[in-house]
């Protein structure tokens, strides 16, 4: 999935088909999602017999492929991005709902997978 495809999926969650307004903000928020789910992604990779990523990746354009496992990118990231992009003073409940769906989807994608802990 590319950043643009993720942006479209996120906007569809709050019934907006015009992504142009959100494009200037999307890249930063997608990279934040990559950082937020780095450990979860590495656990999924390890469980799937893949090598772990040694650095948190980032994308530089919305046309870039998001370099994480599909269970996170397709299952969790649309909710996480929607939560970050959706702001309405009269509807904070919806923003919080997106955030909760994101957290639940990340937890579900990790279920049964080895947790990776970073040494300090």
C-alpha atoms as a PDB file:
ATOM      1  CA  UNK A   1       0.000   0.000   0.000  1.00  0.00           C
ATOM      2  CA  UNK A   2       1.274   3.469  -0.802  1.00  0.00           C
ATOM      3  CA  UNK A   3       0.922   6.526   1.356  1.00  0.00           C
ATOM      4  CA  UNK A   4      -1.669   7.910  -1.049  1.00  0.00           C
ATOM      5  CA  UNK A   5      -3.729   4.710  -0.874  1.00  0.00           C
ATOM      6  CA  UNK A   6      -3.561   4.866   2.916  1.00  0.00           C
ATOM      7  CA  UNK A   7      -4.657   8.500   2.892  1.00  0.00           C
ATOM      8  CA  UNK A   8      -7.643   7.616   0.689  1.00  0.00           C
ATOM      9  CA  UNK A   9      -8.630   4.739   2.986  1.00  0.00           C
ATOM     10  CA  UNK A  10      -8.358   6.952   6.077  1.00  0.00           C
ATOM     11  CA  UNK A  11     -10.435   9.752   4.555  1.00  0.00           C
ATOM     12  CA  UNK A  12     -13.113   7.281   3.526  1.00  0.00           C
ATOM     13  CA  UNK A  13     -13.525   6.350   7.190  1.00  0.00           C
ATOM     14  CA  UNK A  14     -14.888   9.823   7.862  1.00  0.00           C
ATOM     15  CA  UNK A  15     -16.764   9.960   4.554  1.00  0.00           C
ATOM     16  CA  UNK A  16     -14.468  12.409   2.779  1.00  0.00           C
ATOM     17  CA  UNK A  17     -13.522  11.626  -0.804  1.00  0.00           C
ATOM     18  CA  UNK A  18     -11.429  14.754  -1.337  1.00  0.00           C
ATOM     19  CA  UNK A  19      -7.965  14.005   0.058  1.00  0.00           C
ATOM     20  CA  UNK A  20      -6.372  17.258  -1.184  1.00  0.00           C
ATOM     21  CA  UNK A  21      -6.968  19.115   2.094  1.00  0.00           C
ATOM     22  CA  UNK A  22      -5.193  16.379   4.083  1.00  0.00           C
ATOM     23  CA  UNK A  23      -2.234  15.761   1.759  1.00  0.00           C
ATOM     24  CA  UNK A  24       0.065  18.393   3.342  1.00  0.00           C
ATOM     25  CA  UNK A  25      -0.331  16.678   6.727  1.00  0.00           C
ATOM     26  CA  UNK A  26      -0.490  13.021   5.731  1.00  0.00           C
ATOM     27  CA  UNK A  27       3.207  12.307   5.221  1.00  0.00           C
ATOM     28  CA  UNK A  28       4.179  13.466   8.698  1.00  0.00           C
ATOM     29  CA  UNK A  29       1.377  11.473  10.289  1.00  0.00           C
ATOM     30  CA  UNK A  30       2.184   8.320   8.322  1.00  0.00           C
ATOM     31  CA  UNK A  31       5.793   8.529   9.488  1.00  0.00           C
ATOM     32  CA  UNK A  32       4.521   8.935  13.047  1.00  0.00           C
ATOM     33  CA  UNK A  33       2.501   5.731  12.610  1.00  0.00           C
ATOM     34  CA  UNK A  34       5.644   3.956  11.415  1.00  0.00           C
ATOM     35  CA  UNK A  35       7.414   5.062  14.563  1.00  0.00           C
ATOM     36  CA  UNK A  36       4.473   4.191  16.823  1.00  0.00           C
ATOM     37  CA  UNK A  37       4.242   0.630  15.483  1.00  0.00           C
ATOM     38  CA  UNK A  38       7.923  -0.185  14.936  1.00  0.00           C
ATOM     39  CA  UNK A  39       8.079  -2.773  17.734  1.00  0.00           C
ATOM     40  CA  UNK A  40       4.780  -4.371  16.720  1.00  0.00           C
ATOM     41  CA  UNK A  41       5.912  -4.635  13.100  1.00  0.00           C
ATOM     42  CA  UNK A  42       9.196  -6.260  14.099  1.00  0.00           C
ATOM     43  CA  UNK A  43       7.336  -8.797  16.224  1.00  0.00           C
ATOM     44  CA  UNK A  44       5.134  -9.707  13.282  1.00  0.00           C
ATOM     45  CA  UNK A  45       8.158  -9.932  10.964  1.00  0.00           C
ATOM     46  CA  UNK A  46      10.010 -12.187  13.395  1.00  0.00           C
ATOM     47  CA  UNK A  47       7.004 -14.450  13.786  1.00  0.00           C
ATOM     48  CA  UNK A  48       6.722 -14.684   9.992  1.00  0.00           C
ATOM     49  CA  UNK A  49      10.365 -15.754   9.662  1.00  0.00           C
ATOM     50  CA  UNK A  50      11.566 -12.415   8.341  1.00  0.00           C
ATOM     51  CA  UNK A  51      14.465 -10.382   9.603  1.00  0.00           C
ATOM     52  CA  UNK A  52      13.614  -7.472  11.837  1.00  0.00           C
ATOM     53  CA  UNK A  53      14.103  -3.901  10.746  1.00  0.00           C
ATOM     54  CA  UNK A  54      17.047  -2.283  12.510  1.00  0.00           C
ATOM     55  CA  UNK A  55      15.816   1.284  12.033  1.00  0.00           C
ATOM     56  CA  UNK A  56      12.437   2.940  11.918  1.00  0.00           C
ATOM     57  CA  UNK A  57      11.741   3.552   8.234  1.00  0.00           C
ATOM     58  CA  UNK A  58      10.053   6.605   6.802  1.00  0.00           C
ATOM     59  CA  UNK A  59       8.499   7.497   3.518  1.00  0.00           C
ATOM     60  CA  UNK A  60       9.378  10.713   1.682  1.00  0.00           C
ATOM     61  CA  UNK A  61       6.422  10.926  -0.694  1.00  0.00           C
ATOM     62  CA  UNK A  62       2.822   9.756  -0.651  1.00  0.00           C
ATOM     63  CA  UNK A  63       3.605   7.664  -3.720  1.00  0.00           C
ATOM     64  CA  UNK A  64       6.071   5.571  -1.670  1.00  0.00           C
ATOM     65  CA  UNK A  65       5.225   2.049  -0.583  1.00  0.00           C
ATOM     66  CA  UNK A  66       4.741   1.724   3.180  1.00  0.00           C
ATOM     67  CA  UNK A  67       7.436  -0.796   4.214  1.00  0.00           C
ATOM     68  CA  UNK A  68       5.494  -2.589   6.983  1.00  0.00           C
ATOM     69  CA  UNK A  69       3.565  -5.817   7.227  1.00  0.00           C
ATOM     70  CA  UNK A  70       0.115  -5.814   5.621  1.00  0.00           C
ATOM     71  CA  UNK A  71      -1.684  -6.734   8.849  1.00  0.00           C
ATOM     72  CA  UNK A  72      -0.626  -3.361  10.244  1.00  0.00           C
ATOM     73  CA  UNK A  73      -0.776  -1.244   7.109  1.00  0.00           C
ATOM     74  CA  UNK A  74      -4.135  -2.474   5.890  1.00  0.00           C
ATOM     75  CA  UNK A  75      -5.723  -3.423   9.195  1.00  0.00           C
ATOM     76  CA  UNK A  76      -4.587  -0.676  11.565  1.00  0.00           C
ATOM     77  CA  UNK A  77      -3.009   2.251   9.738  1.00  0.00           C
ATOM     78  CA  UNK A  78      -6.220   3.607   8.116  1.00  0.00           C
ATOM     79  CA  UNK A  79      -7.730   4.041  11.592  1.00  0.00           C
ATOM     80  CA  UNK A  80      -4.523   5.519  12.993  1.00  0.00           C
ATOM     81  CA  UNK A  81      -4.216   8.016  10.170  1.00  0.00           C
ATOM     82  CA  UNK A  82      -7.913   8.884  10.357  1.00  0.00           C
ATOM     83  CA  UNK A  83      -7.483   9.548  14.068  1.00  0.00           C
ATOM     84  CA  UNK A  84      -4.580  11.895  13.388  1.00  0.00           C
ATOM     85  CA  UNK A  85      -6.258  13.719  10.487  1.00  0.00           C
ATOM     86  CA  UNK A  86      -9.816  13.928  11.770  1.00  0.00           C
ATOM     87  CA  UNK A  87     -10.461  16.892  13.950  1.00  0.00           C
ATOM     88  CA  UNK A  88     -13.831  18.393  14.605  1.00  0.00           C
ATOM     89  CA  UNK A  89     -14.514  20.390  17.755  1.00  0.00           C
ATOM     90  CA  UNK A  90     -18.027  19.023  17.772  1.00  0.00           C
ATOM     91  CA  UNK A  91     -17.090  15.365  17.284  1.00  0.00           C
ATOM     92  CA  UNK A  92     -14.106  14.336  19.396  1.00  0.00           C
ATOM     93  CA  UNK A  93     -15.916  11.053  19.999  1.00  0.00           C
ATOM     94  CA  UNK A  94     -15.336   9.997  16.398  1.00  0.00           C
ATOM     95  CA  UNK A  95     -11.635  10.863  16.601  1.00  0.00           C
ATOM     96  CA  UNK A  96     -11.343   8.791  19.773  1.00  0.00           C
ATOM     97  CA  UNK A  97     -13.244   5.934  18.111  1.00  0.00           C
ATOM     98  CA  UNK A  98     -10.714   5.900  15.258  1.00  0.00           C
ATOM     99  CA  UNK A  99      -7.881   5.857  17.799  1.00  0.00           C
ATOM    100  CA  UNK A 100      -9.440   2.946  19.677  1.00  0.00           C
ATOM    101  CA  UNK A 101      -9.923   0.992  16.449  1.00  0.00           C
ATOM    102  CA  UNK A 102      -6.247   1.643  15.639  1.00  0.00           C
ATOM    103  CA  UNK A 103      -5.069   0.385  19.042  1.00  0.00           C
ATOM    104  CA  UNK A 104      -7.305  -2.678  18.811  1.00  0.00           C
ATOM    105  CA  UNK A 105      -6.098  -3.494  15.289  1.00  0.00           C
ATOM    106  CA  UNK A 106      -2.438  -3.185  16.311  1.00  0.00           C
ATOM    107  CA  UNK A 107      -3.067  -5.422  19.313  1.00  0.00           C
ATOM    108  CA  UNK A 108      -4.919  -7.949  17.157  1.00  0.00           C
ATOM    109  CA  UNK A 109      -2.118  -8.039  14.588  1.00  0.00           C
ATOM    110  CA  UNK A 110       0.378  -8.677  17.408  1.00  0.00           C
ATOM    111  CA  UNK A 111      -1.675 -11.384  19.089  1.00  0.00           C
ATOM    112  CA  UNK A 112       0.433 -14.470  19.482  1.00  0.00           C
ATOM    113  CA  UNK A 113       3.536 -12.837  18.091  1.00  0.00           C
ATOM    114  CA  UNK A 114       6.881 -12.490  19.794  1.00  0.00           C
ATOM    115  CA  UNK A 115       7.400  -9.096  21.378  1.00  0.00           C
ATOM    116  CA  UNK A 116      10.652  -7.333  20.589  1.00  0.00           C
ATOM    117  CA  UNK A 117      12.171  -5.119  23.245  1.00  0.00           C
ATOM    118  CA  UNK A 118      14.814  -2.558  22.522  1.00  0.00           C
ATOM    119  CA  UNK A 119      17.878  -2.548  24.747  1.00  0.00           C
ATOM    120  CA  UNK A 120      18.742   0.713  26.423  1.00  0.00           C
END
